[in-house]
Amino acid sequence: EALLQVTESRSESETVADQCKQLLDVWQNSADF
């Protein structure tokens, strides 16, 4: 919720949503990370 508040105020919520998906891929595909 805090992140969404910040991204809304900076008009970057859509960008951050895409980045979250990319990070989820990294998280799930890289055991080392």
PDB file of all heavy atoms in Angstrom:
ATOM      1  N   GLU A   1       0.831  -1.212   0.000  1.00  0.00           N
ATOM      2  CA  GLU A   1       0.000   0.000   0.000  1.00  0.00           C
ATOM      3  C   GLU A   1       0.863   1.258   0.000  1.00  0.00           C
ATOM      4  O   GLU A   1       0.574   2.224  -0.707  1.00  0.00           O
ATOM      5  CB  GLU A   1      -0.942  -0.001   1.217  1.00  0.00           C
ATOM      6  CG  GLU A   1      -2.116  -0.964   1.039  1.00  0.00           C
ATOM      7  CD  GLU A   1      -3.006  -1.062   2.279  1.00  0.00           C
ATOM      8  OE1 GLU A   1      -2.573  -0.612   3.370  1.00  0.00           O
ATOM      9  OE2 GLU A   1      -4.122  -1.597   2.137  1.00  0.00           O
ATOM     10  N   ALA A   2       1.923   1.231   0.792  1.00  0.00           N
ATOM     11  CA  ALA A   2       2.834   2.391   0.857  1.00  0.00           C
ATOM     12  C   ALA A   2       3.492   2.615  -0.505  1.00  0.00           C
ATOM     13  O   ALA A   2       3.592   3.754  -0.982  1.00  0.00           O
ATOM     14  CB  ALA A   2       3.896   2.163   1.931  1.00  0.00           C
ATOM     15  N   LEU A   3       3.912   1.523  -1.151  1.00  0.00           N
ATOM     16  CA  LEU A   3       4.545   1.640  -2.467  1.00  0.00           C
ATOM     17  C   LEU A   3       3.562   2.215  -3.482  1.00  0.00           C
ATOM     18  O   LEU A   3       3.912   3.094  -4.268  1.00  0.00           O
ATOM     19  CB  LEU A   3       5.060   0.273  -2.933  1.00  0.00           C
ATOM     20  CG  LEU A   3       5.715   0.240  -4.318  1.00  0.00           C
ATOM     21  CD1 LEU A   3       6.943   1.144  -4.386  1.00  0.00           C
ATOM     22  CD2 LEU A   3       6.102  -1.181  -4.723  1.00  0.00           C
ATOM     23  N   LEU A   4       2.299   1.741  -3.447  1.00  0.00           N
ATOM     24  CA  LEU A   4       1.303   2.238  -4.399  1.00  0.00           C
ATOM     25  C   LEU A   4       1.051   3.736  -4.192  1.00  0.00           C
ATOM     26  O   LEU A   4       0.898   4.478  -5.167  1.00  0.00           O
ATOM     27  CB  LEU A   4      -0.005   1.445  -4.282  1.00  0.00           C
ATOM     28  CG  LEU A   4      -1.062   1.739  -5.360  1.00  0.00           C
ATOM     29  CD1 LEU A   4      -0.536   1.409  -6.759  1.00  0.00           C
ATOM     30  CD2 LEU A   4      -2.350   0.970  -5.105  1.00  0.00           C
ATOM     31  N   GLN A   5       1.027   4.180  -2.941  1.00  0.00           N
ATOM     32  CA  GLN A   5       0.847   5.614  -2.661  1.00  0.00           C
ATOM     33  C   GLN A   5       1.962   6.432  -3.306  1.00  0.00           C
ATOM     34  O   GLN A   5       1.718   7.455  -3.942  1.00  0.00           O
ATOM     35  CB  GLN A   5       0.840   5.876  -1.147  1.00  0.00           C
ATOM     36  CG  GLN A   5      -0.523   5.677  -0.518  1.00  0.00           C
ATOM     37  CD  GLN A   5      -0.519   5.982   0.981  1.00  0.00           C
ATOM     38  OE1 GLN A   5       0.520   6.289   1.562  1.00  0.00           O
ATOM     39  NE2 GLN A   5      -1.678   5.879   1.593  1.00  0.00           N
ATOM     40  N   VAL A   6       3.199   5.946  -3.134  1.00  0.00           N
ATOM     41  CA  VAL A   6       4.361   6.663  -3.692  1.00  0.00           C
ATOM     42  C   VAL A   6       4.313   6.648  -5.221  1.00  0.00           C
ATOM     43  O   VAL A   6       4.503   7.681  -5.862  1.00  0.00           O
ATOM     44  CB  VAL A   6       5.691   6.033  -3.186  1.00  0.00           C
ATOM     45  CG1 VAL A   6       6.891   6.668  -3.884  1.00  0.00           C
ATOM     46  CG2 VAL A   6       5.815   6.204  -1.680  1.00  0.00           C
ATOM     47  N   THR A   7       4.027   5.472  -5.803  1.00  0.00           N
ATOM     48  CA  THR A   7       4.038   5.383  -7.276  1.00  0.00           C
ATOM     49  C   THR A   7       2.903   6.203  -7.878  1.00  0.00           C
ATOM     50  O   THR A   7       3.048   6.752  -8.964  1.00  0.00           O
ATOM     51  CB  THR A   7       3.959   3.919  -7.771  1.00  0.00           C
ATOM     52  OG1 THR A   7       2.747   3.310  -7.315  1.00  0.00           O
ATOM     53  CG2 THR A   7       5.158   3.109  -7.297  1.00  0.00           C
ATOM     54  N   GLU A   8       1.767   6.275  -7.178  1.00  0.00           N
ATOM     55  CA  GLU A   8       0.654   7.103  -7.651  1.00  0.00           C
ATOM     56  C   GLU A   8       1.067   8.567  -7.680  1.00  0.00           C
ATOM     57  O   GLU A   8       0.800   9.287  -8.635  1.00  0.00           O
ATOM     58  CB  GLU A   8      -0.571   6.927  -6.736  1.00  0.00           C
ATOM     59  CG  GLU A   8      -1.414   5.714  -7.075  1.00  0.00           C
ATOM     60  CD  GLU A   8      -1.935   5.746  -8.497  1.00  0.00           C
ATOM     61  OE1 GLU A   8      -2.819   6.556  -8.807  1.00  0.00           O
ATOM     62  OE2 GLU A   8      -1.424   4.966  -9.330  1.00  0.00           O
ATOM     63  N   SER A   9       1.724   9.005  -6.601  1.00  0.00           N
ATOM     64  CA  SER A   9       2.118  10.422  -6.522  1.00  0.00           C
ATOM     65  C   SER A   9       3.146  10.773  -7.591  1.00  0.00           C
ATOM     66  O   SER A   9       3.281  11.924  -7.982  1.00  0.00           O
ATOM     67  CB  SER A   9       2.677  10.742  -5.126  1.00  0.00           C
ATOM     68  OG  SER A   9       3.921  10.095  -4.936  1.00  0.00           O
ATOM     69  N   ARG A  10       3.861   9.752  -8.082  1.00  0.00           N
ATOM     70  CA  ARG A  10       4.888   9.990  -9.119  1.00  0.00           C
ATOM     71  C   ARG A  10       4.421   9.554 -10.508  1.00  0.00           C
ATOM     72  O   ARG A  10       5.226   9.529 -11.449  1.00  0.00           O
ATOM     73  CB  ARG A  10       6.171   9.226  -8.760  1.00  0.00           C
ATOM     74  CG  ARG A  10       6.788   9.686  -7.451  1.00  0.00           C
ATOM     75  CD  ARG A  10       8.056   8.914  -7.137  1.00  0.00           C
ATOM     76  NE  ARG A  10       8.595   9.294  -5.832  1.00  0.00           N
ATOM     77  CZ  ARG A  10       9.679   8.770  -5.291  1.00  0.00           C
ATOM     78  NH1 ARG A  10      10.355   7.846  -5.937  1.00  0.00           N
ATOM     79  NH2 ARG A  10      10.100   9.166  -4.107  1.00  0.00           N
ATOM     80  N   SER A  11       3.142   9.149 -10.616  1.00  0.00           N
ATOM     81  CA  SER A  11       2.575   8.674 -11.895  1.00  0.00           C
ATOM     82  C   SER A  11       3.413   7.567 -12.534  1.00  0.00           C
ATOM     83  O   SER A  11       3.695   7.590 -13.721  1.00  0.00           O
ATOM     84  CB  SER A  11       2.443   9.844 -12.885  1.00  0.00           C
ATOM     85  OG  SER A  11       1.684  10.868 -12.320  1.00  0.00           O
ATOM     86  N   GLU A  12       3.820   6.615 -11.714  1.00  0.00           N
ATOM     87  CA  GLU A  12       4.667   5.532 -12.243  1.00  0.00           C
ATOM     88  C   GLU A  12       4.144   4.143 -11.844  1.00  0.00           C
ATOM     89  O   GLU A  12       4.866   3.158 -11.909  1.00  0.00           O
ATOM     90  CB  GLU A  12       6.125   5.720 -11.781  1.00  0.00           C
ATOM     91  CG  GLU A  12       6.294   5.710 -10.283  1.00  0.00           C
ATOM     92  CD  GLU A  12       7.706   6.001  -9.781  1.00  0.00           C
ATOM     93  OE1 GLU A  12       8.492   6.670 -10.501  1.00  0.00           O
ATOM     94  OE2 GLU A  12       8.018   5.574  -8.667  1.00  0.00           O
ATOM     95  N   SER A  13       2.860   4.078 -11.463  1.00  0.00           N
ATOM     96  CA  SER A  13       2.312   2.792 -10.985  1.00  0.00           C
ATOM     97  C   SER A  13       2.371   1.697 -12.042  1.00  0.00           C
ATOM     98  O   SER A  13       2.699   0.547 -11.749  1.00  0.00           O
ATOM     99  CB  SER A  13       0.879   2.969 -10.499  1.00  0.00           C
ATOM    100  OG  SER A  13       0.842   3.849  -9.399  1.00  0.00           O
ATOM    101  N   GLU A  14       2.059   2.053 -13.290  1.00  0.00           N
ATOM    102  CA  GLU A  14       2.071   1.047 -14.365  1.00  0.00           C
ATOM    103  C   GLU A  14       3.484   0.530 -14.594  1.00  0.00           C
ATOM    104  O   GLU A  14       3.713  -0.671 -14.745  1.00  0.00           O
ATOM    105  CB  GLU A  14       1.502   1.647 -15.653  1.00  0.00           C
ATOM    106  CG  GLU A  14       1.311   0.615 -16.744  1.00  0.00           C
ATOM    107  CD  GLU A  14       0.741   1.188 -18.033  1.00  0.00           C
ATOM    108  OE1 GLU A  14       0.409   2.397 -18.065  1.00  0.00           O
ATOM    109  OE2 GLU A  14       0.643   0.432 -19.008  1.00  0.00           O
ATOM    110  N   THR A  15       4.441   1.447 -14.586  1.00  0.00           N
ATOM    111  CA  THR A  15       5.853   1.076 -14.770  1.00  0.00           C
ATOM    112  C   THR A  15       6.298   0.143 -13.659  1.00  0.00           C
ATOM    113  O   THR A  15       6.933  -0.893 -13.899  1.00  0.00           O
ATOM    114  CB  THR A  15       6.742   2.348 -14.747  1.00  0.00           C
ATOM    115  OG1 THR A  15       6.271   3.233 -15.759  1.00  0.00           O
ATOM    116  CG2 THR A  15       8.203   2.024 -14.994  1.00  0.00           C
ATOM    117  N   VAL A  16       5.948   0.487 -12.425  1.00  0.00           N
ATOM    118  CA  VAL A  16       6.368  -0.325 -11.273  1.00  0.00           C
ATOM    119  C   VAL A  16       5.665  -1.684 -11.290  1.00  0.00           C
ATOM    120  O   VAL A  16       6.272  -2.699 -10.930  1.00  0.00           O
ATOM    121  CB  VAL A  16       6.140   0.443  -9.947  1.00  0.00           C
ATOM    122  CG1 VAL A  16       6.332  -0.470  -8.737  1.00  0.00           C
ATOM    123  CG2 VAL A  16       7.102   1.626  -9.867  1.00  0.00           C
ATOM    124  N   ALA A  17       4.418  -1.736 -11.751  1.00  0.00           N
ATOM    125  CA  ALA A  17       3.713  -3.023 -11.862  1.00  0.00           C
ATOM    126  C   ALA A  17       4.487  -3.955 -12.808  1.00  0.00           C
ATOM    127  O   ALA A  17       4.699  -5.131 -12.503  1.00  0.00           O
ATOM    128  CB  ALA A  17       2.289  -2.815 -12.365  1.00  0.00           C
ATOM    129  N   ASP A  18       4.952  -3.408 -13.936  1.00  0.00           N
ATOM    130  CA  ASP A  18       5.756  -4.212 -14.878  1.00  0.00           C
ATOM    131  C   ASP A  18       7.058  -4.672 -14.227  1.00  0.00           C
ATOM    132  O   ASP A  18       7.493  -5.809 -14.414  1.00  0.00           O
ATOM    133  CB  ASP A  18       6.077  -3.404 -16.141  1.00  0.00           C
ATOM    134  CG  ASP A  18       4.859  -3.287 -17.055  1.00  0.00           C
ATOM    135  OD1 ASP A  18       3.960  -4.142 -16.956  1.00  0.00           O
ATOM    136  OD2 ASP A  18       4.804  -2.329 -17.848  1.00  0.00           O
ATOM    137  N   GLN A  19       7.682  -3.767 -13.461  1.00  0.00           N
ATOM    138  CA  GLN A  19       8.947  -4.108 -12.802  1.00  0.00           C
ATOM    139  C   GLN A  19       8.734  -5.183 -11.736  1.00  0.00           C
ATOM    140  O   GLN A  19       9.581  -6.065 -11.568  1.00  0.00           O
ATOM    141  CB  GLN A  19       9.582  -2.851 -12.200  1.00  0.00           C
ATOM    142  CG  GLN A  19      10.071  -1.886 -13.277  1.00  0.00           C
ATOM    143  CD  GLN A  19      10.522  -0.540 -12.723  1.00  0.00           C
ATOM    144  OE1 GLN A  19      10.399  -0.257 -11.537  1.00  0.00           O
ATOM    145  NE2 GLN A  19      11.044   0.297 -13.604  1.00  0.00           N
ATOM    146  N   CYS A  20       7.595  -5.128 -11.043  1.00  0.00           N
ATOM    147  CA  CYS A  20       7.278  -6.157 -10.038  1.00  0.00           C
ATOM    148  C   CYS A  20       7.196  -7.534 -10.702  1.00  0.00           C
ATOM    149  O   CYS A  20       7.678  -8.529 -10.158  1.00  0.00           O
ATOM    150  CB  CYS A  20       5.948  -5.850  -9.339  1.00  0.00           C
ATOM    151  SG  CYS A  20       6.066  -4.543  -8.107  1.00  0.00           S
ATOM    152  N   LYS A  21       6.603  -7.586 -11.892  1.00  0.00           N
ATOM    153  CA  LYS A  21       6.482  -8.860 -12.610  1.00  0.00           C
ATOM    154  C   LYS A  21       7.869  -9.389 -12.985  1.00  0.00           C
ATOM    155  O   LYS A  21       8.152 -10.584 -12.871  1.00  0.00           O
ATOM    156  CB  LYS A  21       5.621  -8.685 -13.867  1.00  0.00           C
ATOM    157  CG  LYS A  21       4.159  -8.434 -13.535  1.00  0.00           C
ATOM    158  CD  LYS A  21       3.398  -8.014 -14.773  1.00  0.00           C
ATOM    159  CE  LYS A  21       2.033  -7.481 -14.411  1.00  0.00           C
ATOM    160  NZ  LYS A  21       1.302  -6.996 -15.567  1.00  0.00           N
ATOM    161  N   GLN A  22       8.730  -8.474 -13.437  1.00  0.00           N
ATOM    162  CA  GLN A  22      10.091  -8.886 -13.802  1.00  0.00           C
ATOM    163  C   GLN A  22      10.853  -9.398 -12.571  1.00  0.00           C
ATOM    164  O   GLN A  22      11.560 -10.410 -12.633  1.00  0.00           O
ATOM    165  CB  GLN A  22      10.836  -7.719 -14.453  1.00  0.00           C
ATOM    166  CG  GLN A  22      10.346  -7.406 -15.863  1.00  0.00           C
ATOM    167  CD  GLN A  22      10.671  -5.988 -16.306  1.00  0.00           C
ATOM    168  OE1 GLN A  22      11.500  -5.315 -15.702  1.00  0.00           O
ATOM    169  NE2 GLN A  22      10.006  -5.522 -17.350  1.00  0.00           N
ATOM    170  N   LEU A  23      10.679  -8.693 -11.447  1.00  0.00           N
ATOM    171  CA  LEU A  23      11.360  -9.108 -10.216  1.00  0.00           C
ATOM    172  C   LEU A  23      10.826 -10.454  -9.720  1.00  0.00           C
ATOM    173  O   LEU A  23      11.590 -11.274  -9.199  1.00  0.00           O
ATOM    174  CB  LEU A  23      11.189  -8.060  -9.121  1.00  0.00           C
ATOM    175  CG  LEU A  23      12.012  -6.775  -9.288  1.00  0.00           C
ATOM    176  CD1 LEU A  23      11.708  -5.804  -8.162  1.00  0.00           C
ATOM    177  CD2 LEU A  23      13.515  -7.074  -9.311  1.00  0.00           C
ATOM    178  N   LEU A  24       9.531 -10.690  -9.888  1.00  0.00           N
ATOM    179  CA  LEU A  24       8.962 -11.992  -9.501  1.00  0.00           C
ATOM    180  C   LEU A  24       9.596 -13.109 -10.314  1.00  0.00           C
ATOM    181  O   LEU A  24       9.885 -14.185  -9.791  1.00  0.00           O
ATOM    182  CB  LEU A  24       7.438 -11.989  -9.706  1.00  0.00           C
ATOM    183  CG  LEU A  24       6.618 -11.352  -8.585  1.00  0.00           C
ATOM    184  CD1 LEU A  24       5.192 -11.101  -9.048  1.00  0.00           C
ATOM    185  CD2 LEU A  24       6.630 -12.207  -7.332  1.00  0.00           C
ATOM    186  N   ASP A  25       9.820 -12.838 -11.612  1.00  0.00           N
ATOM    187  CA  ASP A  25      10.495 -13.822 -12.463  1.00  0.00           C
ATOM    188  C   ASP A  25      11.902 -14.115 -11.943  1.00  0.00           C
ATOM    189  O   ASP A  25      12.311 -15.275 -11.853  1.00  0.00           O
ATOM    190  CB  ASP A  25      10.581 -13.320 -13.918  1.00  0.00           C
ATOM    191  CG  ASP A  25       9.361 -13.729 -14.729  1.00  0.00           C
ATOM    192  OD1 ASP A  25       8.583 -14.576 -14.247  1.00  0.00           O
ATOM    193  OD2 ASP A  25       9.174 -13.199 -15.842  1.00  0.00           O
ATOM    194  N   VAL A  26      12.628 -13.061 -11.610  1.00  0.00           N
ATOM    195  CA  VAL A  26      13.997 -13.227 -11.091  1.00  0.00           C
ATOM    196  C   VAL A  26      13.944 -14.027  -9.785  1.00  0.00           C
ATOM    197  O   VAL A  26      14.700 -14.986  -9.590  1.00  0.00           O
ATOM    198  CB  VAL A  26      14.670 -11.847 -10.844  1.00  0.00           C
ATOM    199  CG1 VAL A  26      16.013 -12.026 -10.154  1.00  0.00           C
ATOM    200  CG2 VAL A  26      14.845 -11.096 -12.163  1.00  0.00           C
ATOM    201  N   TRP A  27      13.039 -13.637  -8.900  1.00  0.00           N
ATOM    202  CA  TRP A  27      12.900 -14.285  -7.595  1.00  0.00           C
ATOM    203  C   TRP A  27      12.602 -15.777  -7.745  1.00  0.00           C
ATOM    204  O   TRP A  27      13.166 -16.612  -7.053  1.00  0.00           O
ATOM    205  CB  TRP A  27      11.764 -13.604  -6.828  1.00  0.00           C
ATOM    206  CG  TRP A  27      11.480 -14.154  -5.455  1.00  0.00           C
ATOM    207  CD1 TRP A  27      10.472 -15.001  -5.110  1.00  0.00           C
ATOM    208  CD2 TRP A  27      12.202 -13.877  -4.242  1.00  0.00           C
ATOM    209  NE1 TRP A  27      10.508 -15.260  -3.766  1.00  0.00           N
ATOM    210  CE2 TRP A  27      11.561 -14.587  -3.204  1.00  0.00           C
ATOM    211  CE3 TRP A  27      13.312 -13.097  -3.941  1.00  0.00           C
ATOM    212  CZ2 TRP A  27      12.003 -14.534  -1.881  1.00  0.00           C
ATOM    213  CZ3 TRP A  27      13.748 -13.048  -2.627  1.00  0.00           C
ATOM    214  CH2 TRP A  27      13.106 -13.765  -1.614  1.00  0.00           C
ATOM    215  N   GLN A  28      11.726 -16.106  -8.685  1.00  0.00           N
ATOM    216  CA  GLN A  28      11.301 -17.488  -8.811  1.00  0.00           C
ATOM    217  C   GLN A  28      12.242 -18.344  -9.658  1.00  0.00           C
ATOM    218  O   GLN A  28      12.259 -19.556  -9.513  1.00  0.00           O
ATOM    219  CB  GLN A  28       9.861 -17.535  -9.346  1.00  0.00           C
ATOM    220  CG  GLN A  28       8.899 -17.227  -8.221  1.00  0.00           C
ATOM    221  CD  GLN A  28       7.694 -16.422  -8.637  1.00  0.00           C
ATOM    222  OE1 GLN A  28       7.393 -16.279  -9.804  1.00  0.00           O
ATOM    223  NE2 GLN A  28       6.992 -15.885  -7.664  1.00  0.00           N
ATOM    224  N   ASN A  29      13.033 -17.691 -10.508  1.00  0.00           N
ATOM    225  CA  ASN A  29      13.913 -18.466 -11.384  1.00  0.00           C
ATOM    226  C   ASN A  29      15.364 -18.476 -10.950  1.00  0.00           C
ATOM    227  O   ASN A  29      16.179 -19.174 -11.531  1.00  0.00           O
ATOM    228  CB  ASN A  29      13.799 -17.953 -12.832  1.00  0.00           C
ATOM    229  CG  ASN A  29      12.396 -18.186 -13.390  1.00  0.00           C
ATOM    230  OD1 ASN A  29      11.809 -19.231 -13.156  1.00  0.00           O
ATOM    231  ND2 ASN A  29      11.856 -17.207 -14.092  1.00  0.00           N
ATOM    232  N   SER A  30      15.693 -17.673  -9.938  1.00  0.00           N
ATOM    233  CA  SER A  30      17.089 -17.644  -9.483  1.00  0.00           C
ATOM    234  C   SER A  30      17.179 -18.019  -8.006  1.00  0.00           C
ATOM    235  O   SER A  30      16.964 -17.185  -7.123  1.00  0.00           O
ATOM    236  CB  SER A  30      17.701 -16.256  -9.703  1.00  0.00           C
ATOM    237  OG  SER A  30      18.966 -16.190  -9.064  1.00  0.00           O
ATOM    238  N   ALA A  31      17.498 -19.283  -7.770  1.00  0.00           N
ATOM    239  CA  ALA A  31      17.627 -19.765  -6.391  1.00  0.00           C
ATOM    240  C   ALA A  31      18.755 -19.021  -5.670  1.00  0.00           C
ATOM    241  O   ALA A  31      18.657 -18.744  -4.476  1.00  0.00           O
ATOM    242  CB  ALA A  31      17.887 -21.266  -6.389  1.00  0.00           C
ATOM    243  N   ASP A  32      19.827 -18.681  -6.396  1.00  0.00           N
ATOM    244  CA  ASP A  32      20.959 -17.974  -5.776  1.00  0.00           C
ATOM    245  C   ASP A  32      20.525 -16.622  -5.214  1.00  0.00           C
ATOM    246  O   ASP A  32      20.856 -16.258  -4.091  1.00  0.00           O
ATOM    247  CB  ASP A  32      22.098 -17.749  -6.801  1.00  0.00           C
ATOM    248  CG  ASP A  32      22.804 -19.053  -7.146  1.00  0.00           C
ATOM    249  OD1 ASP A  32      22.608 -20.045  -6.411  1.00  0.00           O
ATOM    250  OD2 ASP A  32      23.539 -19.078  -8.148  1.00  0.00           O
ATOM    251  N   PHE A  33      19.764 -15.877  -6.035  1.00  0.00           N
ATOM    252  CA  PHE A  33      19.283 -14.563  -5.619  1.00  0.00           C
ATOM    253  C   PHE A  33      18.355 -14.710  -4.408  1.00  0.00           C
ATOM    254  O   PHE A  33      18.490 -14.018  -3.406  1.00  0.00           O
ATOM    255  CB  PHE A  33      18.537 -13.896  -6.781  1.00  0.00           C
ATOM    256  CG  PHE A  33      17.916 -12.558  -6.436  1.00  0.00           C
ATOM    257  CD1 PHE A  33      18.716 -11.477  -6.066  1.00  0.00           C
ATOM    258  CD2 PHE A  33      16.537 -12.388  -6.453  1.00  0.00           C
ATOM    259  CE1 PHE A  33      18.145 -10.245  -5.738  1.00  0.00           C
ATOM    260  CE2 PHE A  33      15.961 -11.168  -6.133  1.00  0.00           C
ATOM    261  CZ  PHE A  33      16.767 -10.092  -5.771  1.00  0.00           C
TER     262      PHE A  33
END
